[in-house]
Amino acid sequence: MSQTATAYKVGQRVAVTQQIPRLQATWNTTVEGTVESFEQRKTGSWYAGAKDDRLWLDRLVIRKDDGEIVVCNLDQFTRVEVK
């Protein structure tokens, strides 16, 4: 689940598990690395009544051990474990 109240710190080690619910199964994927940044950013999608009339998403940017940068959009199906 998204933990919007949690302020992830740069350099903190995390494991992000995301789920994609389907009719007969759920896809799970886990990415582990260190936090590069955590912020709320608006999308191009319009959402009435939201700040700036845009849909805002929690985004966690992490760097994997091999140097790859991964941007995770946090939602209700996301679990972030601080290591």
PDB file of N, CA and C in Angstrom:
ATOM      1  N   MET A   1       0.844  -1.177   0.000  1.00  0.00           N
ATOM      2  CA  MET A   1       0.000   0.000   0.000  1.00  0.00           C
ATOM      3  C   MET A   1       0.888   1.239   0.000  1.00  0.00           C
ATOM      4  N   SER A   2       0.454   2.270  -0.662  1.00  0.00           N
ATOM      5  CA  SER A   2       1.192   3.513  -0.696  1.00  0.00           C
ATOM      6  C   SER A   2       1.275   4.117   0.701  1.00  0.00           C
ATOM      7  N   GLN A   3       2.435   4.611   1.044  1.00  0.00           N
ATOM      8  CA  GLN A   3       2.636   5.197   2.361  1.00  0.00           C
ATOM      9  C   GLN A   3       2.982   6.669   2.178  1.00  0.00           C
ATOM     10  N   THR A   4       1.998   7.456   1.767  1.00  0.00           N
ATOM     11  CA  THR A   4       2.248   8.843   1.412  1.00  0.00           C
ATOM     12  C   THR A   4       2.750   9.678   2.576  1.00  0.00           C
ATOM     13  N   ALA A   5       2.407   9.299   3.799  1.00  0.00           N
ATOM     14  CA  ALA A   5       2.842  10.083   4.953  1.00  0.00           C
ATOM     15  C   ALA A   5       4.315   9.837   5.271  1.00  0.00           C
ATOM     16  N   THR A   6       4.868   8.754   4.743  1.00  0.00           N
ATOM     17  CA  THR A   6       6.256   8.412   5.015  1.00  0.00           C
ATOM     18  C   THR A   6       7.167   9.237   4.124  1.00  0.00           C
ATOM     19  N   ALA A   7       8.159   9.865   4.712  1.00  0.00           N
ATOM     20  CA  ALA A   7       9.148  10.601   3.939  1.00  0.00           C
ATOM     21  C   ALA A   7      10.372   9.708   3.768  1.00  0.00           C
ATOM     22  N   TYR A   8      10.552   9.185   2.570  1.00  0.00           N
ATOM     23  CA  TYR A   8      11.711   8.338   2.305  1.00  0.00           C
ATOM     24  C   TYR A   8      12.925   9.229   2.136  1.00  0.00           C
ATOM     25  N   LYS A   9      14.036   8.808   2.691  1.00  0.00           N
ATOM     26  CA  LYS A   9      15.254   9.622   2.681  1.00  0.00           C
ATOM     27  C   LYS A   9      16.211   9.144   1.597  1.00  0.00           C
ATOM     28  N   VAL A  10      16.871  10.088   0.944  1.00  0.00           N
ATOM     29  CA  VAL A  10      17.864   9.766  -0.073  1.00  0.00           C
ATOM     30  C   VAL A  10      18.936   8.884   0.553  1.00  0.00           C
ATOM     31  N   GLY A  11      19.284   7.794  -0.133  1.00  0.00           N
ATOM     32  CA  GLY A  11      20.299   6.866   0.359  1.00  0.00           C
ATOM     33  C   GLY A  11      19.736   5.713   1.181  1.00  0.00           C
ATOM     34  N   GLN A  12      18.468   5.812   1.562  1.00  0.00           N
ATOM     35  CA  GLN A  12      17.821   4.759   2.347  1.00  0.00           C
ATOM     36  C   GLN A  12      17.582   3.541   1.444  1.00  0.00           C
ATOM     37  N   ARG A  13      17.831   2.352   1.959  1.00  0.00           N
ATOM     38  CA  ARG A  13      17.629   1.121   1.191  1.00  0.00           C
ATOM     39  C   ARG A  13      16.178   0.666   1.358  1.00  0.00           C
ATOM     40  N   VAL A  14      15.529   0.353   0.210  1.00  0.00           N
ATOM     41  CA  VAL A  14      14.133  -0.060   0.220  1.00  0.00           C
ATOM     42  C   VAL A  14      13.913  -1.224  -0.750  1.00  0.00           C
ATOM     43  N   ALA A  15      12.834  -1.952  -0.500  1.00  0.00           N
ATOM     44  CA  ALA A  15      12.336  -2.958  -1.434  1.00  0.00           C
ATOM     45  C   ALA A  15      10.904  -2.565  -1.775  1.00  0.00           C
ATOM     46  N   VAL A  16      10.622  -2.368  -3.059  1.00  0.00           N
ATOM     47  CA  VAL A  16       9.301  -1.946  -3.519  1.00  0.00           C
ATOM     48  C   VAL A  16       8.637  -3.130  -4.209  1.00  0.00           C
ATOM     49  N   THR A  17       7.500  -3.562  -3.676  1.00  0.00           N
ATOM     50  CA  THR A  17       6.742  -4.651  -4.280  1.00  0.00           C
ATOM     51  C   THR A  17       5.447  -4.073  -4.836  1.00  0.00           C
ATOM     52  N   GLN A  18       5.246  -4.277  -6.130  1.00  0.00           N
ATOM     53  CA  GLN A  18       4.040  -3.782  -6.772  1.00  0.00           C
ATOM     54  C   GLN A  18       3.221  -4.961  -7.281  1.00  0.00           C
ATOM     55  N   GLN A  19       1.900  -4.816  -7.223  1.00  0.00           N
ATOM     56  CA  GLN A  19       0.984  -5.863  -7.650  1.00  0.00           C
ATOM     57  C   GLN A  19       0.068  -5.331  -8.744  1.00  0.00           C
ATOM     58  N   ILE A  20      -0.196  -6.195  -9.710  1.00  0.00           N
ATOM     59  CA  ILE A  20      -1.167  -5.875 -10.743  1.00  0.00           C
ATOM     60  C   ILE A  20      -2.273  -6.918 -10.633  1.00  0.00           C
ATOM     61  N   PRO A  21      -3.428  -6.539 -10.082  1.00  0.00           N
ATOM     62  CA  PRO A  21      -4.513  -7.502  -9.918  1.00  0.00           C
ATOM     63  C   PRO A  21      -5.132  -7.852 -11.277  1.00  0.00           C
ATOM     64  N   ARG A  22      -5.427  -9.137 -11.458  1.00  0.00           N
ATOM     65  CA  ARG A  22      -6.078  -9.631 -12.672  1.00  0.00           C
ATOM     66  C   ARG A  22      -7.238 -10.519 -12.257  1.00  0.00           C
ATOM     67  N   LEU A  23      -8.006 -10.979 -13.204  1.00  0.00           N
ATOM     68  CA  LEU A  23      -9.175 -11.805 -12.888  1.00  0.00           C
ATOM     69  C   LEU A  23      -8.806 -13.097 -12.177  1.00  0.00           C
ATOM     70  N   GLN A  24      -7.807 -13.813 -12.678  1.00  0.00           N
ATOM     71  CA  GLN A  24      -7.500 -15.125 -12.125  1.00  0.00           C
ATOM     72  C   GLN A  24      -6.182 -15.200 -11.380  1.00  0.00           C
ATOM     73  N   ALA A  25      -5.413 -14.145 -11.400  1.00  0.00           N
ATOM     74  CA  ALA A  25      -4.113 -14.158 -10.719  1.00  0.00           C
ATOM     75  C   ALA A  25      -3.673 -12.726 -10.456  1.00  0.00           C
ATOM     76  N   THR A  26      -2.586 -12.598  -9.748  1.00  0.00           N
ATOM     77  CA  THR A  26      -1.981 -11.292  -9.485  1.00  0.00           C
ATOM     78  C   THR A  26      -0.523 -11.340  -9.897  1.00  0.00           C
ATOM     79  N   TRP A  27      -0.097 -10.355 -10.656  1.00  0.00           N
ATOM     80  CA  TRP A  27       1.312 -10.261 -11.011  1.00  0.00           C
ATOM     81  C   TRP A  27       2.010  -9.480  -9.911  1.00  0.00           C
ATOM     82  N   ASN A  28       3.145  -9.983  -9.446  1.00  0.00           N
ATOM     83  CA  ASN A  28       3.952  -9.298  -8.435  1.00  0.00           C
ATOM     84  C   ASN A  28       5.347  -9.048  -8.985  1.00  0.00           C
ATOM     85  N   THR A  29       5.893  -7.912  -8.664  1.00  0.00           N
ATOM     86  CA  THR A  29       7.278  -7.615  -9.014  1.00  0.00           C
ATOM     87  C   THR A  29       7.905  -6.843  -7.858  1.00  0.00           C
ATOM     88  N   THR A  30       9.159  -7.137  -7.568  1.00  0.00           N
ATOM     89  CA  THR A  30       9.869  -6.462  -6.482  1.00  0.00           C
ATOM     90  C   THR A  30      11.166  -5.875  -7.018  1.00  0.00           C
ATOM     91  N   VAL A  31      11.422  -4.635  -6.650  1.00  0.00           N
ATOM     92  CA  VAL A  31      12.652  -3.946  -7.007  1.00  0.00           C
ATOM     93  C   VAL A  31      13.305  -3.488  -5.720  1.00  0.00           C
ATOM     94  N   GLU A  32      14.607  -3.721  -5.593  1.00  0.00           N
ATOM     95  CA  GLU A  32      15.327  -3.328  -4.383  1.00  0.00           C
ATOM     96  C   GLU A  32      16.484  -2.413  -4.759  1.00  0.00           C
ATOM     97  N   GLY A  33      16.679  -1.378  -3.947  1.00  0.00           N
ATOM     98  CA  GLY A  33      17.767  -0.450  -4.194  1.00  0.00           C
ATOM     99  C   GLY A  33      17.757   0.678  -3.179  1.00  0.00           C
ATOM    100  N   THR A  34      18.459   1.763  -3.517  1.00  0.00           N
ATOM    101  CA  THR A  34      18.538   2.921  -2.622  1.00  0.00           C
ATOM    102  C   THR A  34      17.718   4.073  -3.198  1.00  0.00           C
ATOM    103  N   VAL A  35      17.135   4.840  -2.298  1.00  0.00           N
ATOM    104  CA  VAL A  35      16.267   5.951  -2.691  1.00  0.00           C
ATOM    105  C   VAL A  35      17.097   7.074  -3.298  1.00  0.00           C
ATOM    106  N   GLU A  36      16.685   7.507  -4.487  1.00  0.00           N
ATOM    107  CA  GLU A  36      17.272   8.682  -5.139  1.00  0.00           C
ATOM    108  C   GLU A  36      16.415   9.911  -4.850  1.00  0.00           C
ATOM    109  N   SER A  37      15.074   9.726  -4.878  1.00  0.00           N
ATOM    110  CA  SER A  37      14.170  10.835  -4.552  1.00  0.00           C
ATOM    111  C   SER A  37      12.774  10.285  -4.290  1.00  0.00           C
ATOM    112  N   PHE A  38      11.979  11.071  -3.566  1.00  0.00           N
ATOM    113  CA  PHE A  38      10.577  10.755  -3.309  1.00  0.00           C
ATOM    114  C   PHE A  38       9.813  12.058  -3.391  1.00  0.00           C
ATOM    115  N   GLU A  39       8.779  12.091  -4.242  1.00  0.00           N
ATOM    116  CA  GLU A  39       8.032  13.328  -4.427  1.00  0.00           C
ATOM    117  C   GLU A  39       6.655  13.038  -4.999  1.00  0.00           C
ATOM    118  N   GLN A  40       5.798  14.026  -4.886  1.00  0.00           N
ATOM    119  CA  GLN A  40       4.518  13.983  -5.571  1.00  0.00           C
ATOM    120  C   GLN A  40       4.671  14.811  -6.831  1.00  0.00           C
ATOM    121  N   ARG A  41       4.316  14.214  -7.972  1.00  0.00           N
ATOM    122  CA  ARG A  41       4.400  14.925  -9.239  1.00  0.00           C
ATOM    123  C   ARG A  41       3.088  14.789  -9.971  1.00  0.00           C
ATOM    124  N   LYS A  42       2.736  15.826 -10.671  1.00  0.00           N
ATOM    125  CA  LYS A  42       1.482  15.765 -11.406  1.00  0.00           C
ATOM    126  C   LYS A  42       1.690  15.068 -12.747  1.00  0.00           C
ATOM    127  N   THR A  43       0.621  14.453 -13.207  1.00  0.00           N
ATOM    128  CA  THR A  43       0.633  13.793 -14.505  1.00  0.00           C
ATOM    129  C   THR A  43      -0.048  14.697 -15.511  1.00  0.00           C
ATOM    130  N   GLY A  44      -0.111  14.243 -16.727  1.00  0.00           N
ATOM    131  CA  GLY A  44      -0.833  14.976 -17.756  1.00  0.00           C
ATOM    132  C   GLY A  44      -2.325  14.752 -17.661  1.00  0.00           C
ATOM    133  N   SER A  45      -2.738  13.825 -16.810  1.00  0.00           N
ATOM    134  CA  SER A  45      -4.155  13.492 -16.695  1.00  0.00           C
ATOM    135  C   SER A  45      -4.902  14.560 -15.911  1.00  0.00           C
ATOM    136  N   TRP A  46      -6.096  14.859 -16.358  1.00  0.00           N
ATOM    137  CA  TRP A  46      -6.949  15.852 -15.704  1.00  0.00           C
ATOM    138  C   TRP A  46      -7.779  15.154 -14.638  1.00  0.00           C
ATOM    139  N   TYR A  47      -7.915  15.784 -13.475  1.00  0.00           N
ATOM    140  CA  TYR A  47      -8.705  15.223 -12.386  1.00  0.00           C
ATOM    141  C   TYR A  47      -9.403  16.368 -11.676  1.00  0.00           C
ATOM    142  N   ALA A  48     -10.723  16.463 -11.819  1.00  0.00           N
ATOM    143  CA  ALA A  48     -11.494  17.569 -11.258  1.00  0.00           C
ATOM    144  C   ALA A  48     -11.359  17.640  -9.745  1.00  0.00           C
ATOM    145  N   GLY A  49     -11.132  18.828  -9.252  1.00  0.00           N
ATOM    146  CA  GLY A  49     -11.071  19.052  -7.815  1.00  0.00           C
ATOM    147  C   GLY A  49      -9.715  18.806  -7.205  1.00  0.00           C
ATOM    148  N   ALA A  50      -8.755  18.341  -7.983  1.00  0.00           N
ATOM    149  CA  ALA A  50      -7.413  18.081  -7.465  1.00  0.00           C
ATOM    150  C   ALA A  50      -6.556  19.339  -7.595  1.00  0.00           C
ATOM    151  N   LYS A  51      -5.443  19.343  -6.917  1.00  0.00           N
ATOM    152  CA  LYS A  51      -4.512  20.466  -6.972  1.00  0.00           C
ATOM    153  C   LYS A  51      -4.109  20.732  -8.422  1.00  0.00           C
ATOM    154  N   ASP A  52      -4.234  21.934  -8.882  1.00  0.00           N
ATOM    155  CA  ASP A  52      -3.939  22.341 -10.263  1.00  0.00           C
ATOM    156  C   ASP A  52      -4.782  21.583 -11.285  1.00  0.00           C
ATOM    157  N   ASP A  53      -5.894  21.000 -10.848  1.00  0.00           N
ATOM    158  CA  ASP A  53      -6.775  20.216 -11.723  1.00  0.00           C
ATOM    159  C   ASP A  53      -6.026  19.092 -12.442  1.00  0.00           C
ATOM    160  N   ARG A  54      -5.016  18.544 -11.815  1.00  0.00           N
ATOM    161  CA  ARG A  54      -4.244  17.437 -12.376  1.00  0.00           C
ATOM    162  C   ARG A  54      -4.204  16.289 -11.390  1.00  0.00           C
ATOM    163  N   LEU A  55      -3.978  15.092 -11.917  1.00  0.00           N
ATOM    164  CA  LEU A  55      -3.818  13.917 -11.082  1.00  0.00           C
ATOM    165  C   LEU A  55      -2.380  13.893 -10.562  1.00  0.00           C
ATOM    166  N   TRP A  56      -2.219  13.790  -9.258  1.00  0.00           N
ATOM    167  CA  TRP A  56      -0.902  13.776  -8.631  1.00  0.00           C
ATOM    168  C   TRP A  56      -0.577  12.357  -8.175  1.00  0.00           C
ATOM    169  N   LEU A  57       0.641  11.917  -8.414  1.00  0.00           N
ATOM    170  CA  LEU A  57       1.088  10.583  -8.035  1.00  0.00           C
ATOM    171  C   LEU A  57       2.309  10.668  -7.134  1.00  0.00           C
ATOM    172  N   ASP A  58       2.393   9.740  -6.180  1.00  0.00           N
ATOM    173  CA  ASP A  58       3.601   9.607  -5.369  1.00  0.00           C
ATOM    174  C   ASP A  58       4.608   8.817  -6.196  1.00  0.00           C
ATOM    175  N   ARG A  59       5.791   9.390  -6.365  1.00  0.00           N
ATOM    176  CA  ARG A  59       6.820   8.731  -7.161  1.00  0.00           C
ATOM    177  C   ARG A  59       8.064   8.520  -6.320  1.00  0.00           C
ATOM    178  N   LEU A  60       8.532   7.294  -6.323  1.00  0.00           N
ATOM    179  CA  LEU A  60       9.743   6.911  -5.606  1.00  0.00           C
ATOM    180  C   LEU A  60      10.766   6.487  -6.652  1.00  0.00           C
ATOM    181  N   VAL A  61      11.878   7.200  -6.715  1.00  0.00           N
ATOM    182  CA  VAL A  61      12.946   6.883  -7.660  1.00  0.00           C
ATOM    183  C   VAL A  61      14.034   6.158  -6.891  1.00  0.00           C
ATOM    184  N   ILE A  62      14.357   4.936  -7.348  1.00  0.00           N
ATOM    185  CA  ILE A  62      15.398   4.168  -6.666  1.00  0.00           C
ATOM    186  C   ILE A  62      16.485   3.750  -7.656  1.00  0.00           C
ATOM    187  N   ARG A  63      17.680   3.550  -7.128  1.00  0.00           N
ATOM    188  CA  ARG A  63      18.814   3.071  -7.911  1.00  0.00           C
ATOM    189  C   ARG A  63      19.113   1.640  -7.478  1.00  0.00           C
ATOM    190  N   LYS A  64      19.008   0.723  -8.433  1.00  0.00           N
ATOM    191  CA  LYS A  64      19.314  -0.673  -8.147  1.00  0.00           C
ATOM    192  C   LYS A  64      20.824  -0.842  -7.981  1.00  0.00           C
ATOM    193  N   ASP A  65      21.236  -1.989  -7.444  1.00  0.00           N
ATOM    194  CA  ASP A  65      22.652  -2.241  -7.192  1.00  0.00           C
ATOM    195  C   ASP A  65      23.497  -2.203  -8.469  1.00  0.00           C
ATOM    196  N   ASP A  66      22.881  -2.517  -9.622  1.00  0.00           N
ATOM    197  CA  ASP A  66      23.620  -2.498 -10.887  1.00  0.00           C
ATOM    198  C   ASP A  66      23.652  -1.108 -11.529  1.00  0.00           C
ATOM    199  N   GLY A  67      23.061  -0.102 -10.849  1.00  0.00           N
ATOM    200  CA  GLY A  67      23.091   1.271 -11.337  1.00  0.00           C
ATOM    201  C   GLY A  67      21.840   1.699 -12.088  1.00  0.00           C
ATOM    202  N   GLU A  68      20.958   0.761 -12.405  1.00  0.00           N
ATOM    203  CA  GLU A  68      19.724   1.090 -13.116  1.00  0.00           C
ATOM    204  C   GLU A  68      18.821   1.967 -12.250  1.00  0.00           C
ATOM    205  N   ILE A  69      18.236   3.007 -12.863  1.00  0.00           N
ATOM    206  CA  ILE A  69      17.300   3.894 -12.174  1.00  0.00           C
ATOM    207  C   ILE A  69      15.879   3.423 -12.481  1.00  0.00           C
ATOM    208  N   VAL A  70      15.061   3.266 -11.433  1.00  0.00           N
ATOM    209  CA  VAL A  70      13.687   2.807 -11.580  1.00  0.00           C
ATOM    210  C   VAL A  70      12.761   3.838 -10.932  1.00  0.00           C
ATOM    211  N   VAL A  71      11.730   4.262 -11.675  1.00  0.00           N
ATOM    212  CA  VAL A  71      10.721   5.181 -11.149  1.00  0.00           C
ATOM    213  C   VAL A  71       9.484   4.354 -10.816  1.00  0.00           C
ATOM    214  N   CYS A  72       9.081   4.359  -9.550  1.00  0.00           N
ATOM    215  CA  CYS A  72       7.912   3.604  -9.098  1.00  0.00           C
ATOM    216  C   CYS A  72       6.791   4.577  -8.765  1.00  0.00           C
ATOM    217  N   ASN A  73       5.658   4.400  -9.423  1.00  0.00           N
ATOM    218  CA  ASN A  73       4.456   5.151  -9.069  1.00  0.00           C
ATOM    219  C   ASN A  73       3.765   4.367  -7.965  1.00  0.00           C
ATOM    220  N   LEU A  74       3.645   4.957  -6.795  1.00  0.00           N
ATOM    221  CA  LEU A  74       3.082   4.255  -5.647  1.00  0.00           C
ATOM    222  C   LEU A  74       1.559   4.355  -5.668  1.00  0.00           C
ATOM    223  N   ASP A  75       0.901   3.223  -5.475  1.00  0.00           N
ATOM    224  CA  ASP A  75      -0.560   3.184  -5.416  1.00  0.00           C
ATOM    225  C   ASP A  75      -0.990   2.271  -4.286  1.00  0.00           C
ATOM    226  N   GLN A  76      -2.286   1.958  -4.232  1.00  0.00           N
ATOM    227  CA  GLN A  76      -2.807   1.156  -3.130  1.00  0.00           C
ATOM    228  C   GLN A  76      -2.327  -0.292  -3.171  1.00  0.00           C
ATOM    229  N   PHE A  77      -1.749  -0.724  -4.288  1.00  0.00           N
ATOM    230  CA  PHE A  77      -1.256  -2.090  -4.398  1.00  0.00           C
ATOM    231  C   PHE A  77       0.254  -2.174  -4.205  1.00  0.00           C
ATOM    232  N   THR A  78       0.896  -1.080  -3.822  1.00  0.00           N
ATOM    233  CA  THR A  78       2.344  -1.020  -3.654  1.00  0.00           C
ATOM    234  C   THR A  78       2.709  -1.134  -2.187  1.00  0.00           C
ATOM    235  N   ARG A  79       3.732  -1.933  -1.918  1.00  0.00           N
ATOM    236  CA  ARG A  79       4.259  -2.062  -0.562  1.00  0.00           C
ATOM    237  C   ARG A  79       5.736  -1.667  -0.599  1.00  0.00           C
ATOM    238  N   VAL A  80       6.118  -0.744   0.287  1.00  0.00           N
ATOM    239  CA  VAL A  80       7.511  -0.315   0.382  1.00  0.00           C
ATOM    240  C   VAL A  80       8.049  -0.758   1.722  1.00  0.00           C
ATOM    241  N   GLU A  81       9.099  -1.563   1.680  1.00  0.00           N
ATOM    242  CA  GLU A  81       9.734  -2.044   2.896  1.00  0.00           C
ATOM    243  C   GLU A  81      11.093  -1.345   3.040  1.00  0.00           C
ATOM    244  N   VAL A  82      11.264  -0.634   4.144  1.00  0.00           N
ATOM    245  CA  VAL A  82      12.539   0.020   4.433  1.00  0.00           C
ATOM    246  C   VAL A  82      13.466  -1.028   5.040  1.00  0.00           C
ATOM    247  N   LYS A  83      14.633  -1.158   4.453  1.00  0.00           N
ATOM    248  CA  LYS A  83      15.589  -2.184   4.897  1.00  0.00           C
ATOM    249  C   LYS A  83      16.520  -1.646   5.956  1.00  0.00           C
TER     250      LYS A  83
END
